[in-house]
Amino acid sequence: MYRRADFQGAWDFALRVKMPPNSSMGLHEHGEDEEMYIILNGEGLMTIGGENKRVRKGDMILNKPHGTHGLLNDSDQELELLIIQASLK
C-alpha cells in the first residue's frame, strides 16, 4: 500500500471512474503532479513509462510526475477505478 510519505505533494482530488468496454484514457503526461490508479473491478491494459502491463482488480499503480501513462479497457466488462491526484506545487 501507499502512504502519504509516498507522495511528494498535497492531494488534489479522488475520482471514481467507470470505463465501458473498449474505451480508453488516452496516453497523456502530467506536469507537476502524480496520480494513483486503484483498480476496483475489471481489468485492462496500462501503458506507463513506455511499457504495457495488464492491470486487474486490486492493483495500485503510481504515475510519477512528468511520466506518460494511459489506460485501455480492452475487455468486454466494465473497468472501475479510483484515481487520486497529488500536486507538487
N, C-alpha and C. Protein backbone atom coordinates (compact mmCIF):
# COMPACT_ATOMS: atom_id res chain seq x y z
N MET A 1 0.84 -1.18 0.00
CA MET A 1 0.00 0.00 0.00
C MET A 1 0.89 1.24 0.00
N TYR A 2 0.28 2.33 -0.40
CA TYR A 2 0.99 3.61 -0.41
C TYR A 2 0.56 4.44 0.78
N ARG A 3 1.48 5.22 1.29
CA ARG A 3 1.21 6.11 2.43
C ARG A 3 1.41 7.55 1.98
N ARG A 4 1.03 8.49 2.78
CA ARG A 4 1.21 9.91 2.48
C ARG A 4 2.66 10.21 2.12
N ALA A 5 3.59 9.55 2.78
CA ALA A 5 5.02 9.79 2.52
C ALA A 5 5.43 9.36 1.11
N ASP A 6 4.64 8.51 0.45
CA ASP A 6 4.95 8.08 -0.90
C ASP A 6 4.65 9.16 -1.93
N PHE A 7 3.85 10.14 -1.57
CA PHE A 7 3.51 11.25 -2.46
C PHE A 7 4.35 12.46 -2.09
N GLN A 8 4.80 13.18 -3.09
CA GLN A 8 5.63 14.35 -2.85
C GLN A 8 4.83 15.61 -2.57
N GLY A 9 3.56 15.67 -3.02
CA GLY A 9 2.78 16.89 -2.88
C GLY A 9 1.47 16.66 -2.14
N ALA A 10 0.65 17.72 -2.14
CA ALA A 10 -0.66 17.67 -1.48
C ALA A 10 -1.69 17.05 -2.41
N TRP A 11 -2.66 16.35 -1.88
CA TRP A 11 -3.69 15.70 -2.69
C TRP A 11 -4.60 16.74 -3.32
N ASP A 12 -4.91 16.54 -4.61
CA ASP A 12 -5.82 17.42 -5.34
C ASP A 12 -7.23 16.87 -5.37
N PHE A 13 -7.38 15.61 -5.72
CA PHE A 13 -8.71 15.02 -5.85
C PHE A 13 -8.66 13.51 -5.81
N ALA A 14 -9.83 12.93 -5.63
CA ALA A 14 -10.04 11.49 -5.78
C ALA A 14 -11.29 11.32 -6.64
N LEU A 15 -11.18 10.55 -7.73
CA LEU A 15 -12.28 10.33 -8.66
C LEU A 15 -12.56 8.84 -8.80
N ARG A 16 -13.81 8.47 -8.80
CA ARG A 16 -14.21 7.11 -9.13
C ARG A 16 -14.62 7.12 -10.60
N VAL A 17 -13.99 6.29 -11.40
CA VAL A 17 -14.20 6.27 -12.85
C VAL A 17 -14.69 4.89 -13.26
N LYS A 18 -15.70 4.88 -14.14
CA LYS A 18 -16.18 3.63 -14.73
C LYS A 18 -15.94 3.72 -16.23
N MET A 19 -15.13 2.81 -16.75
CA MET A 19 -14.79 2.78 -18.17
C MET A 19 -15.52 1.62 -18.83
N PRO A 20 -16.37 1.91 -19.82
CA PRO A 20 -17.04 0.83 -20.53
C PRO A 20 -16.06 0.01 -21.37
N PRO A 21 -16.45 -1.18 -21.78
CA PRO A 21 -15.58 -1.99 -22.64
C PRO A 21 -15.12 -1.21 -23.87
N ASN A 22 -13.89 -1.45 -24.28
CA ASN A 22 -13.28 -0.85 -25.47
C ASN A 22 -13.17 0.67 -25.38
N SER A 23 -13.04 1.21 -24.17
CA SER A 23 -12.81 2.64 -24.01
C SER A 23 -11.38 2.86 -23.50
N SER A 24 -10.94 4.12 -23.58
CA SER A 24 -9.56 4.42 -23.26
C SER A 24 -9.43 5.76 -22.55
N MET A 25 -8.48 5.83 -21.62
CA MET A 25 -7.96 7.09 -21.12
C MET A 25 -6.66 7.24 -21.87
N GLY A 26 -6.68 7.98 -22.93
CA GLY A 26 -5.55 8.04 -23.86
C GLY A 26 -4.22 8.33 -23.18
N LEU A 27 -3.18 7.98 -23.88
CA LEU A 27 -1.82 8.21 -23.40
C LEU A 27 -1.64 9.71 -23.18
N HIS A 28 -1.20 10.09 -21.98
CA HIS A 28 -1.03 11.51 -21.66
C HIS A 28 0.05 11.68 -20.61
N GLU A 29 0.50 12.91 -20.47
CA GLU A 29 1.55 13.25 -19.50
C GLU A 29 1.04 14.32 -18.58
N HIS A 30 1.39 14.22 -17.32
CA HIS A 30 1.08 15.26 -16.34
C HIS A 30 2.35 16.05 -16.07
N GLY A 31 2.19 17.21 -15.55
CA GLY A 31 3.33 18.04 -15.20
C GLY A 31 3.74 17.83 -13.75
N GLU A 32 3.45 18.81 -12.95
CA GLU A 32 3.86 18.82 -11.54
C GLU A 32 2.84 18.12 -10.65
N ASP A 33 2.42 16.94 -11.04
CA ASP A 33 1.53 16.16 -10.18
C ASP A 33 1.79 14.68 -10.41
N GLU A 34 1.24 13.89 -9.53
CA GLU A 34 1.33 12.44 -9.64
C GLU A 34 -0.04 11.85 -9.35
N GLU A 35 -0.29 10.68 -9.90
CA GLU A 35 -1.60 10.06 -9.73
C GLU A 35 -1.44 8.61 -9.26
N MET A 36 -2.40 8.19 -8.49
CA MET A 36 -2.51 6.80 -8.08
C MET A 36 -3.76 6.24 -8.74
N TYR A 37 -3.65 5.15 -9.48
CA TYR A 37 -4.79 4.42 -10.03
C TYR A 37 -4.98 3.17 -9.18
N ILE A 38 -6.17 2.99 -8.66
CA ILE A 38 -6.51 1.80 -7.89
C ILE A 38 -7.63 1.09 -8.65
N ILE A 39 -7.35 -0.11 -9.14
CA ILE A 39 -8.32 -0.86 -9.92
C ILE A 39 -9.31 -1.53 -8.96
N LEU A 40 -10.57 -1.10 -9.02
CA LEU A 40 -11.61 -1.62 -8.12
C LEU A 40 -12.29 -2.86 -8.68
N ASN A 41 -12.53 -2.88 -9.99
CA ASN A 41 -13.16 -4.02 -10.66
C ASN A 41 -12.73 -4.05 -12.11
N GLY A 42 -12.65 -5.25 -12.66
CA GLY A 42 -12.33 -5.41 -14.06
C GLY A 42 -10.84 -5.50 -14.30
N GLU A 43 -10.47 -5.37 -15.58
CA GLU A 43 -9.07 -5.42 -15.97
C GLU A 43 -8.86 -4.64 -17.25
N GLY A 44 -7.61 -4.31 -17.52
CA GLY A 44 -7.29 -3.56 -18.72
C GLY A 44 -5.81 -3.58 -19.00
N LEU A 45 -5.41 -2.75 -19.95
CA LEU A 45 -4.01 -2.64 -20.34
C LEU A 45 -3.52 -1.24 -20.02
N MET A 46 -2.55 -1.15 -19.13
CA MET A 46 -1.99 0.12 -18.69
C MET A 46 -0.66 0.34 -19.41
N THR A 47 -0.49 1.53 -19.95
CA THR A 47 0.80 1.93 -20.51
C THR A 47 1.40 2.94 -19.56
N ILE A 48 2.58 2.66 -19.08
CA ILE A 48 3.25 3.56 -18.14
C ILE A 48 4.75 3.55 -18.45
N GLY A 49 5.28 4.74 -18.68
CA GLY A 49 6.70 4.86 -19.00
C GLY A 49 7.10 4.08 -20.24
N GLY A 50 6.19 3.99 -21.21
CA GLY A 50 6.50 3.30 -22.45
C GLY A 50 6.33 1.79 -22.43
N GLU A 51 5.91 1.24 -21.29
CA GLU A 51 5.72 -0.21 -21.18
C GLU A 51 4.25 -0.53 -20.94
N ASN A 52 3.78 -1.62 -21.54
CA ASN A 52 2.41 -2.08 -21.34
C ASN A 52 2.39 -3.18 -20.28
N LYS A 53 1.36 -3.13 -19.40
CA LYS A 53 1.21 -4.19 -18.42
C LYS A 53 -0.27 -4.38 -18.13
N ARG A 54 -0.66 -5.63 -17.88
CA ARG A 54 -2.03 -5.95 -17.52
C ARG A 54 -2.28 -5.46 -16.10
N VAL A 55 -3.44 -4.86 -15.90
CA VAL A 55 -3.86 -4.45 -14.56
C VAL A 55 -5.23 -5.07 -14.31
N ARG A 56 -5.49 -5.39 -13.06
CA ARG A 56 -6.76 -6.02 -12.69
C ARG A 56 -7.13 -5.64 -11.27
N LYS A 57 -8.32 -6.03 -10.88
CA LYS A 57 -8.85 -5.71 -9.56
C LYS A 57 -7.79 -5.91 -8.48
N GLY A 58 -7.63 -4.87 -7.65
CA GLY A 58 -6.68 -4.92 -6.55
C GLY A 58 -5.35 -4.26 -6.85
N ASP A 59 -5.04 -4.03 -8.13
CA ASP A 59 -3.76 -3.40 -8.48
C ASP A 59 -3.78 -1.91 -8.15
N MET A 60 -2.61 -1.41 -7.73
CA MET A 60 -2.41 0.01 -7.44
C MET A 60 -1.20 0.46 -8.26
N ILE A 61 -1.40 1.49 -9.07
CA ILE A 61 -0.34 1.96 -9.96
C ILE A 61 -0.06 3.42 -9.67
N LEU A 62 1.19 3.76 -9.41
CA LEU A 62 1.58 5.15 -9.13
C LEU A 62 2.19 5.75 -10.39
N ASN A 63 1.56 6.79 -10.91
CA ASN A 63 2.04 7.52 -12.07
C ASN A 63 2.84 8.72 -11.57
N LYS A 64 4.14 8.67 -11.79
CA LYS A 64 5.06 9.69 -11.26
C LYS A 64 4.95 11.02 -12.01
N PRO A 65 5.40 12.12 -11.39
CA PRO A 65 5.39 13.42 -12.07
C PRO A 65 6.15 13.37 -13.39
N HIS A 66 5.61 14.06 -14.38
CA HIS A 66 6.19 14.15 -15.72
C HIS A 66 6.25 12.80 -16.44
N GLY A 67 5.57 11.80 -15.91
CA GLY A 67 5.52 10.50 -16.56
C GLY A 67 4.38 10.44 -17.56
N THR A 68 4.48 9.53 -18.51
CA THR A 68 3.44 9.31 -19.51
C THR A 68 2.72 8.02 -19.18
N HIS A 69 1.38 8.07 -19.24
CA HIS A 69 0.60 6.88 -18.94
C HIS A 69 -0.76 6.94 -19.64
N GLY A 70 -1.39 5.80 -19.75
CA GLY A 70 -2.72 5.68 -20.33
C GLY A 70 -3.32 4.36 -19.91
N LEU A 71 -4.63 4.22 -20.07
CA LEU A 71 -5.32 3.01 -19.67
C LEU A 71 -6.35 2.66 -20.73
N LEU A 72 -6.35 1.40 -21.16
CA LEU A 72 -7.28 0.90 -22.15
C LEU A 72 -8.08 -0.23 -21.52
N ASN A 73 -9.41 -0.12 -21.59
CA ASN A 73 -10.26 -1.24 -21.20
C ASN A 73 -10.47 -2.08 -22.44
N ASP A 74 -9.62 -3.06 -22.63
CA ASP A 74 -9.71 -3.93 -23.80
C ASP A 74 -10.50 -5.20 -23.52
N SER A 75 -11.26 -5.18 -22.42
CA SER A 75 -12.07 -6.34 -22.05
C SER A 75 -13.52 -6.13 -22.49
N ASP A 76 -14.35 -7.12 -22.22
CA ASP A 76 -15.77 -7.00 -22.53
C ASP A 76 -16.59 -6.67 -21.28
N GLN A 77 -15.89 -6.27 -20.20
CA GLN A 77 -16.54 -5.91 -18.94
C GLN A 77 -16.16 -4.47 -18.57
N GLU A 78 -16.99 -3.85 -17.73
CA GLU A 78 -16.68 -2.51 -17.24
C GLU A 78 -15.42 -2.54 -16.38
N LEU A 79 -14.61 -1.51 -16.49
CA LEU A 79 -13.40 -1.34 -15.67
C LEU A 79 -13.67 -0.17 -14.73
N GLU A 80 -13.56 -0.41 -13.44
CA GLU A 80 -13.83 0.63 -12.43
C GLU A 80 -12.54 0.90 -11.65
N LEU A 81 -12.22 2.19 -11.51
CA LEU A 81 -11.01 2.54 -10.79
C LEU A 81 -11.20 3.81 -9.98
N LEU A 82 -10.33 3.99 -9.02
CA LEU A 82 -10.25 5.18 -8.21
C LEU A 82 -8.95 5.88 -8.60
N ILE A 83 -9.04 7.18 -8.91
CA ILE A 83 -7.86 7.97 -9.26
C ILE A 83 -7.66 9.02 -8.17
N ILE A 84 -6.48 9.05 -7.60
CA ILE A 84 -6.13 10.04 -6.59
C ILE A 84 -4.96 10.84 -7.15
N GLN A 85 -5.10 12.15 -7.19
CA GLN A 85 -4.03 13.01 -7.72
C GLN A 85 -3.48 13.90 -6.63
N ALA A 86 -2.15 14.01 -6.61
CA ALA A 86 -1.45 14.89 -5.69
C ALA A 86 -0.60 15.86 -6.50
N SER A 87 -0.58 17.12 -6.06
CA SER A 87 0.17 18.16 -6.76
C SER A 87 1.48 18.45 -6.03
N LEU A 88 2.53 18.69 -6.79
CA LEU A 88 3.83 19.01 -6.19
C LEU A 88 3.92 20.49 -5.82
N LYS A 89 3.00 21.30 -6.35
CA LYS A 89 3.05 22.74 -6.07
C LYS A 89 2.01 23.14 -5.09
